[in-house]
């Protein structure tokens, strides 16, 4: 009546999992917006890179740089990446923590000078 469950030898299986990768980091804060940038390269094309906020609720947030390895045929050239993540923060922050394949990094936050836009006034 029904079919049998295929065995591993009958079915091609591929496990896709995010892995931590390596990058270079910079961060800046302009008024109430903090921007974290991760850049780097992979030996081939086809990688999908993510800069994620860790799920544990800590302040300031901790970030992790990960990637998915390519499957199948890919370009055989070094491929650069740039990932950017932003979050709102009302206080002045001095550094952020980023975790990657090389370990934990403390990224200094550059404070960018600027003024808040003037509130419109009624005359």
C-alpha atoms as a PDB file:
ATOM      1  CA  UNK A   1       0.000   0.000   0.000  1.00  0.00           C
ATOM      2  CA  UNK A   2       2.408   2.736   1.181  1.00  0.00           C
ATOM      3  CA  UNK A   3       6.031   3.075   0.295  1.00  0.00           C
ATOM      4  CA  UNK A   4       8.895   2.385   2.577  1.00  0.00           C
ATOM      5  CA  UNK A   5      10.942   5.049   4.284  1.00  0.00           C
ATOM      6  CA  UNK A   6      14.072   5.666   2.210  1.00  0.00           C
ATOM      7  CA  UNK A   7      17.356   4.766   3.862  1.00  0.00           C
ATOM      8  CA  UNK A   8      20.333   7.108   3.914  1.00  0.00           C
ATOM      9  CA  UNK A   9      21.918   5.091   1.117  1.00  0.00           C
ATOM     10  CA  UNK A  10      18.858   5.705  -1.086  1.00  0.00           C
ATOM     11  CA  UNK A  11      18.630   9.426  -0.465  1.00  0.00           C
ATOM     12  CA  UNK A  12      21.165  12.202  -0.826  1.00  0.00           C
ATOM     13  CA  UNK A  13      21.367  14.200   2.390  1.00  0.00           C
ATOM     14  CA  UNK A  14      23.031  17.521   2.900  1.00  0.00           C
ATOM     15  CA  UNK A  15      23.134  19.260   6.232  1.00  0.00           C
ATOM     16  CA  UNK A  16      23.229  23.015   5.982  1.00  0.00           C
ATOM     17  CA  UNK A  17      24.305  24.776   9.153  1.00  0.00           C
ATOM     18  CA  UNK A  18      25.568  28.243   9.921  1.00  0.00           C
ATOM     19  CA  UNK A  19      29.212  28.384  10.933  1.00  0.00           C
ATOM     20  CA  UNK A  20      31.090  31.230  12.545  1.00  0.00           C
ATOM     21  CA  UNK A  21      33.416  32.981  10.116  1.00  0.00           C
ATOM     22  CA  UNK A  22      36.083  35.671  10.411  1.00  0.00           C
ATOM     23  CA  UNK A  23      35.851  39.358   9.749  1.00  0.00           C
ATOM     24  CA  UNK A  24      37.145  42.836  10.441  1.00  0.00           C
ATOM     25  CA  UNK A  25      34.906  45.188  12.398  1.00  0.00           C
ATOM     26  CA  UNK A  26      34.199  48.871  12.837  1.00  0.00           C
ATOM     27  CA  UNK A  27      31.441  50.686  14.689  1.00  0.00           C
ATOM     28  CA  UNK A  28      30.163  54.218  14.978  1.00  0.00           C
ATOM     29  CA  UNK A  29      27.421  56.042  16.809  1.00  0.00           C
ATOM     30  CA  UNK A  30      25.669  59.033  15.287  1.00  0.00           C
ATOM     31  CA  UNK A  31      23.190  60.678  17.647  1.00  0.00           C
ATOM     32  CA  UNK A  32      20.968  57.700  18.658  1.00  0.00           C
ATOM     33  CA  UNK A  33      21.986  55.176  15.979  1.00  0.00           C
ATOM     34  CA  UNK A  34      24.816  52.665  16.429  1.00  0.00           C
ATOM     35  CA  UNK A  35      26.148  51.060  13.240  1.00  0.00           C
ATOM     36  CA  UNK A  36      28.319  47.922  13.271  1.00  0.00           C
ATOM     37  CA  UNK A  37      30.110  46.869  10.059  1.00  0.00           C
ATOM     38  CA  UNK A  38      31.704  43.482   9.403  1.00  0.00           C
ATOM     39  CA  UNK A  39      33.857  42.966   6.322  1.00  0.00           C
ATOM     40  CA  UNK A  40      36.029  40.185   5.019  1.00  0.00           C
ATOM     41  CA  UNK A  41      36.400  37.681   2.212  1.00  0.00           C
ATOM     42  CA  UNK A  42      35.847  34.048   1.316  1.00  0.00           C
ATOM     43  CA  UNK A  43      38.013  31.907  -0.986  1.00  0.00           C
ATOM     44  CA  UNK A  44      35.136  31.334  -3.431  1.00  0.00           C
ATOM     45  CA  UNK A  45      31.747  32.785  -4.264  1.00  0.00           C
ATOM     46  CA  UNK A  46      28.487  31.372  -2.968  1.00  0.00           C
ATOM     47  CA  UNK A  47      28.843  32.047   0.767  1.00  0.00           C
ATOM     48  CA  UNK A  48      25.881  33.647   2.543  1.00  0.00           C
ATOM     49  CA  UNK A  49      27.059  35.865   5.410  1.00  0.00           C
ATOM     50  CA  UNK A  50      25.025  36.995   8.434  1.00  0.00           C
ATOM     51  CA  UNK A  51      25.742  39.488  11.203  1.00  0.00           C
ATOM     52  CA  UNK A  52      23.309  38.528  13.951  1.00  0.00           C
ATOM     53  CA  UNK A  53      22.360  39.793  17.368  1.00  0.00           C
ATOM     54  CA  UNK A  54      22.875  37.036  19.925  1.00  0.00           C
ATOM     55  CA  UNK A  55      19.593  35.782  21.376  1.00  0.00           C
ATOM     56  CA  UNK A  56      20.634  36.341  25.009  1.00  0.00           C
ATOM     57  CA  UNK A  57      19.258  39.650  26.245  1.00  0.00           C
ATOM     58  CA  UNK A  58      22.272  41.683  27.328  1.00  0.00           C
ATOM     59  CA  UNK A  59      23.019  45.355  27.010  1.00  0.00           C
ATOM     60  CA  UNK A  60      24.686  46.427  24.857  1.00  0.00           C
ATOM     61  CA  UNK A  61      23.855  43.555  22.514  1.00  0.00           C
ATOM     62  CA  UNK A  62      26.481  40.970  21.523  1.00  0.00           C
ATOM     63  CA  UNK A  63      26.821  40.076  17.831  1.00  0.00           C
ATOM     64  CA  UNK A  64      27.970  36.963  15.943  1.00  0.00           C
ATOM     65  CA  UNK A  65      29.321  36.762  12.380  1.00  0.00           C
ATOM     66  CA  UNK A  66      28.304  33.535  10.620  1.00  0.00           C
ATOM     67  CA  UNK A  67      28.048  32.108   7.130  1.00  0.00           C
ATOM     68  CA  UNK A  68      26.534  29.270   5.148  1.00  0.00           C
ATOM     69  CA  UNK A  69      28.997  27.414   2.928  1.00  0.00           C
ATOM     70  CA  UNK A  70      28.165  27.218  -0.777  1.00  0.00           C
ATOM     71  CA  UNK A  71      26.711  24.065  -2.295  1.00  0.00           C
ATOM     72  CA  UNK A  72      27.495  22.913  -5.815  1.00  0.00           C
ATOM     73  CA  UNK A  73      29.517  24.762  -8.404  1.00  0.00           C
ATOM     74  CA  UNK A  74      30.816  28.190  -7.336  1.00  0.00           C
ATOM     75  CA  UNK A  75      33.039  30.882  -8.795  1.00  0.00           C
ATOM     76  CA  UNK A  76      36.699  30.260  -8.084  1.00  0.00           C
ATOM     77  CA  UNK A  77      37.668  33.740  -6.983  1.00  0.00           C
ATOM     78  CA  UNK A  78      38.080  35.521  -3.678  1.00  0.00           C
ATOM     79  CA  UNK A  79      34.759  37.160  -2.827  1.00  0.00           C
ATOM     80  CA  UNK A  80      34.516  40.096  -0.425  1.00  0.00           C
ATOM     81  CA  UNK A  81      31.574  40.741   1.889  1.00  0.00           C
ATOM     82  CA  UNK A  82      30.252  43.659   3.920  1.00  0.00           C
ATOM     83  CA  UNK A  83      27.458  43.258   6.463  1.00  0.00           C
ATOM     84  CA  UNK A  84      25.941  46.153   8.393  1.00  0.00           C
ATOM     85  CA  UNK A  85      23.607  46.112  11.355  1.00  0.00           C
ATOM     86  CA  UNK A  86      22.134  49.113  13.180  1.00  0.00           C
ATOM     87  CA  UNK A  87      20.277  49.609  16.421  1.00  0.00           C
ATOM     88  CA  UNK A  88      18.925  52.561  18.358  1.00  0.00           C
ATOM     89  CA  UNK A  89      20.662  53.617  21.546  1.00  0.00           C
ATOM     90  CA  UNK A  90      20.059  56.768  23.596  1.00  0.00           C
ATOM     91  CA  UNK A  91      23.298  56.516  25.608  1.00  0.00           C
ATOM     92  CA  UNK A  92      26.866  56.957  24.413  1.00  0.00           C
ATOM     93  CA  UNK A  93      28.442  53.525  23.988  1.00  0.00           C
ATOM     94  CA  UNK A  94      32.198  52.910  24.018  1.00  0.00           C
ATOM     95  CA  UNK A  95      32.421  49.384  22.562  1.00  0.00           C
ATOM     96  CA  UNK A  96      30.534  46.370  21.213  1.00  0.00           C
ATOM     97  CA  UNK A  97      31.309  42.670  21.481  1.00  0.00           C
ATOM     98  CA  UNK A  98      31.477  40.519  18.342  1.00  0.00           C
ATOM     99  CA  UNK A  99      32.033  36.749  18.341  1.00  0.00           C
ATOM    100  CA  UNK A 100      33.532  35.037  15.287  1.00  0.00           C
ATOM    101  CA  UNK A 101      35.769  32.081  14.398  1.00  0.00           C
ATOM    102  CA  UNK A 102      38.813  33.911  15.786  1.00  0.00           C
ATOM    103  CA  UNK A 103      37.164  34.455  19.187  1.00  0.00           C
ATOM    104  CA  UNK A 104      35.626  37.430  20.942  1.00  0.00           C
ATOM    105  CA  UNK A 105      36.403  40.973  19.800  1.00  0.00           C
ATOM    106  CA  UNK A 106      35.816  44.263  21.584  1.00  0.00           C
ATOM    107  CA  UNK A 107      35.034  46.806  18.841  1.00  0.00           C
ATOM    108  CA  UNK A 108      35.563  50.443  19.759  1.00  0.00           C
ATOM    109  CA  UNK A 109      32.679  52.712  18.769  1.00  0.00           C
ATOM    110  CA  UNK A 110      33.665  55.956  17.050  1.00  0.00           C
ATOM    111  CA  UNK A 111      31.412  58.829  18.092  1.00  0.00           C
ATOM    112  CA  UNK A 112      30.317  60.835  15.053  1.00  0.00           C
ATOM    113  CA  UNK A 113      29.512  64.452  15.860  1.00  0.00           C
ATOM    114  CA  UNK A 114      26.209  65.861  14.751  1.00  0.00           C
ATOM    115  CA  UNK A 115      23.217  67.786  15.937  1.00  0.00           C
ATOM    116  CA  UNK A 116      19.657  66.667  16.227  1.00  0.00           C
ATOM    117  CA  UNK A 117      17.441  68.273  13.623  1.00  0.00           C
ATOM    118  CA  UNK A 118      15.654  71.340  14.875  1.00  0.00           C
ATOM    119  CA  UNK A 119      12.073  70.850  15.903  1.00  0.00           C
ATOM    120  CA  UNK A 120       9.681  72.843  13.728  1.00  0.00           C
ATOM    121  CA  UNK A 121       8.205  75.865  15.421  1.00  0.00           C
ATOM    122  CA  UNK A 122       4.844  77.448  14.809  1.00  0.00           C
ATOM    123  CA  UNK A 123       4.817  81.206  14.358  1.00  0.00           C
END
